[in-house]
Amino acid sequence: MKVNGAFIALEEEQTLYDFLSLQKYDLTTIAVERNGEIVPKPTYKDVFLNNEDTLEIVRFVGGG
C-alpha cells in the first residue's frame, strides 16, 4: 500500500480506522483520500484496506 508516497506492506487485512490508530494519527485533525476519493470519517471502520490502495493523509494546521 502507498501512504503519502511511501510503500507500506499490510501484514493482515485491517480497516482504515485500525490502520490510522496503529499509526498514531489524531483522527480529529486529519482527512484521508483513498484511491483518489475522500473517505468520510464515519466510514473509517467500514473501509477495509489492501496492498493495492493509495492513501493520502493530510493534517489540518492552524495559523494564518
PDB file of N, CA and C in Angstrom:
ATOM      1  N   MET A   1       0.856  -1.158   0.000  1.00  0.00           N
ATOM      2  CA  MET A   1       0.000   0.000   0.000  1.00  0.00           C
ATOM      3  C   MET A   1       0.910   1.232   0.000  1.00  0.00           C
ATOM      4  N   LYS A   2       0.461   2.261  -0.674  1.00  0.00           N
ATOM      5  CA  LYS A   2       1.228   3.505  -0.736  1.00  0.00           C
ATOM      6  C   LYS A   2       0.548   4.542   0.156  1.00  0.00           C
ATOM      7  N   VAL A   3       1.300   5.097   1.098  1.00  0.00           N
ATOM      8  CA  VAL A   3       0.770   6.085   2.035  1.00  0.00           C
ATOM      9  C   VAL A   3       1.640   7.339   1.965  1.00  0.00           C
ATOM     10  N   ASN A   4       1.050   8.420   1.498  1.00  0.00           N
ATOM     11  CA  ASN A   4       1.780   9.686   1.350  1.00  0.00           C
ATOM     12  C   ASN A   4       3.103   9.484   0.610  1.00  0.00           C
ATOM     13  N   GLY A   5       3.077   8.652  -0.427  1.00  0.00           N
ATOM     14  CA  GLY A   5       4.252   8.434  -1.264  1.00  0.00           C
ATOM     15  C   GLY A   5       5.189   7.330  -0.815  1.00  0.00           C
ATOM     16  N   ALA A   6       4.997   6.770   0.369  1.00  0.00           N
ATOM     17  CA  ALA A   6       5.856   5.695   0.889  1.00  0.00           C
ATOM     18  C   ALA A   6       5.108   4.366   0.840  1.00  0.00           C
ATOM     19  N   PHE A   7       5.821   3.311   0.517  1.00  0.00           N
ATOM     20  CA  PHE A   7       5.197   1.992   0.469  1.00  0.00           C
ATOM     21  C   PHE A   7       5.200   1.336   1.839  1.00  0.00           C
ATOM     22  N   ILE A   8       4.038   0.811   2.219  1.00  0.00           N
ATOM     23  CA  ILE A   8       3.866   0.091   3.480  1.00  0.00           C
ATOM     24  C   ILE A   8       3.161  -1.216   3.147  1.00  0.00           C
ATOM     25  N   ALA A   9       3.749  -2.338   3.545  1.00  0.00           N
ATOM     26  CA  ALA A   9       3.126  -3.641   3.295  1.00  0.00           C
ATOM     27  C   ALA A   9       2.178  -3.980   4.444  1.00  0.00           C
ATOM     28  N   LEU A  10       0.950  -4.283   4.098  1.00  0.00           N
ATOM     29  CA  LEU A  10      -0.004  -4.718   5.118  1.00  0.00           C
ATOM     30  C   LEU A  10       0.219  -6.196   5.398  1.00  0.00           C
ATOM     31  N   GLU A  11       0.388  -6.529   6.647  1.00  0.00           N
ATOM     32  CA  GLU A  11       0.600  -7.917   7.047  1.00  0.00           C
ATOM     33  C   GLU A  11      -0.721  -8.684   7.095  1.00  0.00           C
ATOM     34  N   GLU A  12      -1.789  -7.973   7.400  1.00  0.00           N
ATOM     35  CA  GLU A  12      -3.111  -8.592   7.521  1.00  0.00           C
ATOM     36  C   GLU A  12      -4.173  -7.581   7.129  1.00  0.00           C
ATOM     37  N   GLU A  13      -5.350  -8.073   6.797  1.00  0.00           N
ATOM     38  CA  GLU A  13      -6.448  -7.180   6.452  1.00  0.00           C
ATOM     39  C   GLU A  13      -6.826  -6.341   7.670  1.00  0.00           C
ATOM     40  N   GLN A  14      -7.030  -5.055   7.443  1.00  0.00           N
ATOM     41  CA  GLN A  14      -7.438  -4.184   8.543  1.00  0.00           C
ATOM     42  C   GLN A  14      -8.256  -3.026   7.986  1.00  0.00           C
ATOM     43  N   THR A  15      -9.014  -2.435   8.882  1.00  0.00           N
ATOM     44  CA  THR A  15      -9.825  -1.292   8.474  1.00  0.00           C
ATOM     45  C   THR A  15      -8.959  -0.041   8.447  1.00  0.00           C
ATOM     46  N   LEU A  16      -9.461   0.963   7.772  1.00  0.00           N
ATOM     47  CA  LEU A  16      -8.779   2.249   7.756  1.00  0.00           C
ATOM     48  C   LEU A  16      -8.652   2.786   9.174  1.00  0.00           C
ATOM     49  N   TYR A  17      -9.698   2.659   9.956  1.00  0.00           N
ATOM     50  CA  TYR A  17      -9.682   3.116  11.353  1.00  0.00           C
ATOM     51  C   TYR A  17      -8.561   2.434  12.131  1.00  0.00           C
ATOM     52  N   ASP A  18      -8.441   1.107  12.006  1.00  0.00           N
ATOM     53  CA  ASP A  18      -7.395   0.369  12.718  1.00  0.00           C
ATOM     54  C   ASP A  18      -6.003   0.814  12.264  1.00  0.00           C
ATOM     55  N   PHE A  19      -5.828   0.973  10.961  1.00  0.00           N
ATOM     56  CA  PHE A  19      -4.535   1.400  10.430  1.00  0.00           C
ATOM     57  C   PHE A  19      -4.143   2.765  10.987  1.00  0.00           C
ATOM     58  N   LEU A  20      -5.069   3.717  10.922  1.00  0.00           N
ATOM     59  CA  LEU A  20      -4.779   5.059  11.407  1.00  0.00           C
ATOM     60  C   LEU A  20      -4.484   5.061  12.904  1.00  0.00           C
ATOM     61  N   SER A  21      -5.219   4.273  13.657  1.00  0.00           N
ATOM     62  CA  SER A  21      -4.997   4.184  15.107  1.00  0.00           C
ATOM     63  C   SER A  21      -3.634   3.581  15.420  1.00  0.00           C
ATOM     64  N   LEU A  22      -3.271   2.511  14.715  1.00  0.00           N
ATOM     65  CA  LEU A  22      -1.968   1.874  14.938  1.00  0.00           C
ATOM     66  C   LEU A  22      -0.814   2.802  14.570  1.00  0.00           C
ATOM     67  N   GLN A  23      -1.039   3.671  13.580  1.00  0.00           N
ATOM     68  CA  GLN A  23       0.000   4.613  13.162  1.00  0.00           C
ATOM     69  C   GLN A  23      -0.014   5.891  14.007  1.00  0.00           C
ATOM     70  N   LYS A  24      -0.909   5.928  15.014  1.00  0.00           N
ATOM     71  CA  LYS A  24      -0.994   7.025  15.974  1.00  0.00           C
ATOM     72  C   LYS A  24      -1.421   8.368  15.355  1.00  0.00           C
ATOM     73  N   TYR A  25      -2.274   8.303  14.335  1.00  0.00           N
ATOM     74  CA  TYR A  25      -2.834   9.532  13.768  1.00  0.00           C
ATOM     75  C   TYR A  25      -3.929  10.056  14.685  1.00  0.00           C
ATOM     76  N   ASP A  26      -4.002  11.369  14.829  1.00  0.00           N
ATOM     77  CA  ASP A  26      -5.080  12.012  15.571  1.00  0.00           C
ATOM     78  C   ASP A  26      -6.255  12.160  14.612  1.00  0.00           C
ATOM     79  N   LEU A  27      -7.262  11.340  14.780  1.00  0.00           N
ATOM     80  CA  LEU A  27      -8.377  11.288  13.837  1.00  0.00           C
ATOM     81  C   LEU A  27      -9.174  12.584  13.774  1.00  0.00           C
ATOM     82  N   THR A  28      -9.012  13.445  14.764  1.00  0.00           N
ATOM     83  CA  THR A  28      -9.763  14.706  14.762  1.00  0.00           C
ATOM     84  C   THR A  28      -9.092  15.783  13.899  1.00  0.00           C
ATOM     85  N   THR A  29      -7.836  15.560  13.513  1.00  0.00           N
ATOM     86  CA  THR A  29      -7.115  16.604  12.781  1.00  0.00           C
ATOM     87  C   THR A  29      -6.637  16.169  11.399  1.00  0.00           C
ATOM     88  N   ILE A  30      -7.199  15.070  10.865  1.00  0.00           N
ATOM     89  CA  ILE A  30      -6.753  14.591   9.558  1.00  0.00           C
ATOM     90  C   ILE A  30      -7.927  14.414   8.602  1.00  0.00           C
ATOM     91  N   ALA A  31      -7.579  14.348   7.329  1.00  0.00           N
ATOM     92  CA  ALA A  31      -8.511  13.950   6.276  1.00  0.00           C
ATOM     93  C   ALA A  31      -7.788  12.879   5.457  1.00  0.00           C
ATOM     94  N   VAL A  32      -8.549  11.907   4.951  1.00  0.00           N
ATOM     95  CA  VAL A  32      -7.951  10.791   4.228  1.00  0.00           C
ATOM     96  C   VAL A  32      -8.564  10.681   2.836  1.00  0.00           C
ATOM     97  N   GLU A  33      -7.673  10.538   1.850  1.00  0.00           N
ATOM     98  CA  GLU A  33      -8.086  10.258   0.483  1.00  0.00           C
ATOM     99  C   GLU A  33      -7.600   8.848   0.155  1.00  0.00           C
ATOM    100  N   ARG A  34      -8.511   8.015  -0.322  1.00  0.00           N
ATOM    101  CA  ARG A  34      -8.161   6.635  -0.680  1.00  0.00           C
ATOM    102  C   ARG A  34      -8.462   6.440  -2.154  1.00  0.00           C
ATOM    103  N   ASN A  35      -7.431   6.099  -2.902  1.00  0.00           N
ATOM    104  CA  ASN A  35      -7.569   5.860  -4.338  1.00  0.00           C
ATOM    105  C   ASN A  35      -8.276   7.018  -5.037  1.00  0.00           C
ATOM    106  N   GLY A  36      -7.921   8.244  -4.632  1.00  0.00           N
ATOM    107  CA  GLY A  36      -8.436   9.428  -5.301  1.00  0.00           C
ATOM    108  C   GLY A  36      -9.758   9.960  -4.794  1.00  0.00           C
ATOM    109  N   GLU A  37     -10.328   9.342  -3.769  1.00  0.00           N
ATOM    110  CA  GLU A  37     -11.609   9.795  -3.237  1.00  0.00           C
ATOM    111  C   GLU A  37     -11.514  10.036  -1.732  1.00  0.00           C
ATOM    112  N   ILE A  38     -12.104  11.144  -1.272  1.00  0.00           N
ATOM    113  CA  ILE A  38     -12.125  11.456   0.157  1.00  0.00           C
ATOM    114  C   ILE A  38     -12.962  10.411   0.894  1.00  0.00           C
ATOM    115  N   VAL A  39     -12.445   9.933   2.020  1.00  0.00           N
ATOM    116  CA  VAL A  39     -13.165   8.958   2.838  1.00  0.00           C
ATOM    117  C   VAL A  39     -13.848   9.704   3.989  1.00  0.00           C
ATOM    118  N   PRO A  40     -15.175   9.639   4.080  1.00  0.00           N
ATOM    119  CA  PRO A  40     -15.862  10.296   5.199  1.00  0.00           C
ATOM    120  C   PRO A  40     -15.482   9.640   6.533  1.00  0.00           C
ATOM    121  N   LYS A  41     -15.215  10.445   7.546  1.00  0.00           N
ATOM    122  CA  LYS A  41     -14.801   9.916   8.857  1.00  0.00           C
ATOM    123  C   LYS A  41     -15.735   8.839   9.410  1.00  0.00           C
ATOM    124  N   PRO A  42     -17.065   8.991   9.284  1.00  0.00           N
ATOM    125  CA  PRO A  42     -17.947   7.963   9.848  1.00  0.00           C
ATOM    126  C   PRO A  42     -17.777   6.570   9.213  1.00  0.00           C
ATOM    127  N   THR A  43     -17.095   6.486   8.058  1.00  0.00           N
ATOM    128  CA  THR A  43     -16.940   5.188   7.390  1.00  0.00           C
ATOM    129  C   THR A  43     -15.573   4.546   7.622  1.00  0.00           C
ATOM    130  N   TYR A  44     -14.686   5.187   8.402  1.00  0.00           N
ATOM    131  CA  TYR A  44     -13.339   4.647   8.612  1.00  0.00           C
ATOM    132  C   TYR A  44     -13.352   3.197   9.095  1.00  0.00           C
ATOM    133  N   LYS A  45     -14.313   2.840   9.932  1.00  0.00           N
ATOM    134  CA  LYS A  45     -14.367   1.473  10.469  1.00  0.00           C
ATOM    135  C   LYS A  45     -14.939   0.478   9.455  1.00  0.00           C
ATOM    136  N   ASP A  46     -15.528   0.964   8.376  1.00  0.00           N
ATOM    137  CA  ASP A  46     -16.135   0.097   7.363  1.00  0.00           C
ATOM    138  C   ASP A  46     -15.255  -0.093   6.132  1.00  0.00           C
ATOM    139  N   VAL A  47     -14.184   0.684   6.019  1.00  0.00           N
ATOM    140  CA  VAL A  47     -13.306   0.635   4.851  1.00  0.00           C
ATOM    141  C   VAL A  47     -12.150  -0.316   5.124  1.00  0.00           C
ATOM    142  N   PHE A  48     -12.094  -1.417   4.352  1.00  0.00           N
ATOM    143  CA  PHE A  48     -11.006  -2.376   4.502  1.00  0.00           C
ATOM    144  C   PHE A  48      -9.906  -2.068   3.495  1.00  0.00           C
ATOM    145  N   LEU A  49      -8.672  -2.036   3.974  1.00  0.00           N
ATOM    146  CA  LEU A  49      -7.525  -1.698   3.152  1.00  0.00           C
ATOM    147  C   LEU A  49      -6.893  -2.933   2.541  1.00  0.00           C
ATOM    148  N   ASN A  50      -6.221  -2.731   1.386  1.00  0.00           N
ATOM    149  CA  ASN A  50      -5.425  -3.807   0.793  1.00  0.00           C
ATOM    150  C   ASN A  50      -4.145  -3.195   0.239  1.00  0.00           C
ATOM    151  N   ASN A  51      -3.218  -4.029  -0.166  1.00  0.00           N
ATOM    152  CA  ASN A  51      -1.901  -3.559  -0.592  1.00  0.00           C
ATOM    153  C   ASN A  51      -1.918  -2.788  -1.907  1.00  0.00           C
ATOM    154  N   GLU A  52      -3.024  -2.793  -2.633  1.00  0.00           N
ATOM    155  CA  GLU A  52      -3.126  -2.036  -3.876  1.00  0.00           C
ATOM    156  C   GLU A  52      -3.641  -0.613  -3.649  1.00  0.00           C
ATOM    157  N   ASP A  53      -4.033  -0.280  -2.427  1.00  0.00           N
ATOM    158  CA  ASP A  53      -4.584   1.038  -2.125  1.00  0.00           C
ATOM    159  C   ASP A  53      -3.497   2.113  -2.096  1.00  0.00           C
ATOM    160  N   THR A  54      -3.926   3.340  -2.400  1.00  0.00           N
ATOM    161  CA  THR A  54      -3.084   4.515  -2.247  1.00  0.00           C
ATOM    162  C   THR A  54      -3.809   5.473  -1.317  1.00  0.00           C
ATOM    163  N   LEU A  55      -3.150   5.834  -0.222  1.00  0.00           N
ATOM    164  CA  LEU A  55      -3.729   6.765   0.743  1.00  0.00           C
ATOM    165  C   LEU A  55      -2.937   8.062   0.760  1.00  0.00           C
ATOM    166  N   GLU A  56      -3.657   9.152   0.846  1.00  0.00           N
ATOM    167  CA  GLU A  56      -3.062  10.451   1.123  1.00  0.00           C
ATOM    168  C   GLU A  56      -3.705  10.920   2.417  1.00  0.00           C
ATOM    169  N   ILE A  57      -2.886  11.191   3.419  1.00  0.00           N
ATOM    170  CA  ILE A  57      -3.370  11.609   4.731  1.00  0.00           C
ATOM    171  C   ILE A  57      -2.826  13.016   4.993  1.00  0.00           C
ATOM    172  N   VAL A  58      -3.741  13.941   5.189  1.00  0.00           N
ATOM    173  CA  VAL A  58      -3.326  15.328   5.437  1.00  0.00           C
ATOM    174  C   VAL A  58      -3.813  15.770   6.806  1.00  0.00           C
ATOM    175  N   ARG A  59      -3.006  16.619   7.425  1.00  0.00           N
ATOM    176  CA  ARG A  59      -3.334  17.160   8.746  1.00  0.00           C
ATOM    177  C   ARG A  59      -3.755  18.611   8.596  1.00  0.00           C
ATOM    178  N   PHE A  60      -4.719  18.977   9.405  1.00  0.00           N
ATOM    179  CA  PHE A  60      -5.148  20.366   9.462  1.00  0.00           C
ATOM    180  C   PHE A  60      -4.262  21.097  10.465  1.00  0.00           C
ATOM    181  N   VAL A  61      -3.753  22.243  10.075  1.00  0.00           N
ATOM    182  CA  VAL A  61      -2.934  23.042  10.971  1.00  0.00           C
ATOM    183  C   VAL A  61      -3.525  24.439  11.077  1.00  0.00           C
ATOM    184  N   GLY A  62      -3.398  25.006  12.251  1.00  0.00           N
ATOM    185  CA  GLY A  62      -3.912  26.350  12.466  1.00  0.00           C
ATOM    186  C   GLY A  62      -2.893  27.392  12.049  1.00  0.00           C
ATOM    187  N   GLY A  63      -3.306  28.584  12.018  1.00  0.00           N
ATOM    188  CA  GLY A  63      -2.400  29.667  11.669  1.00  0.00           C
ATOM    189  C   GLY A  63      -3.069  30.616  10.695  1.00  0.00           C
ATOM    190  N   GLY A  64      -2.303  31.533  10.236  1.00  0.00           N
ATOM    191  CA  GLY A  64      -2.919  32.440   9.279  1.00  0.00           C
ATOM    192  C   GLY A  64      -2.145  33.628   9.016  1.00  0.00           C
TER     193      GLY A  64
END
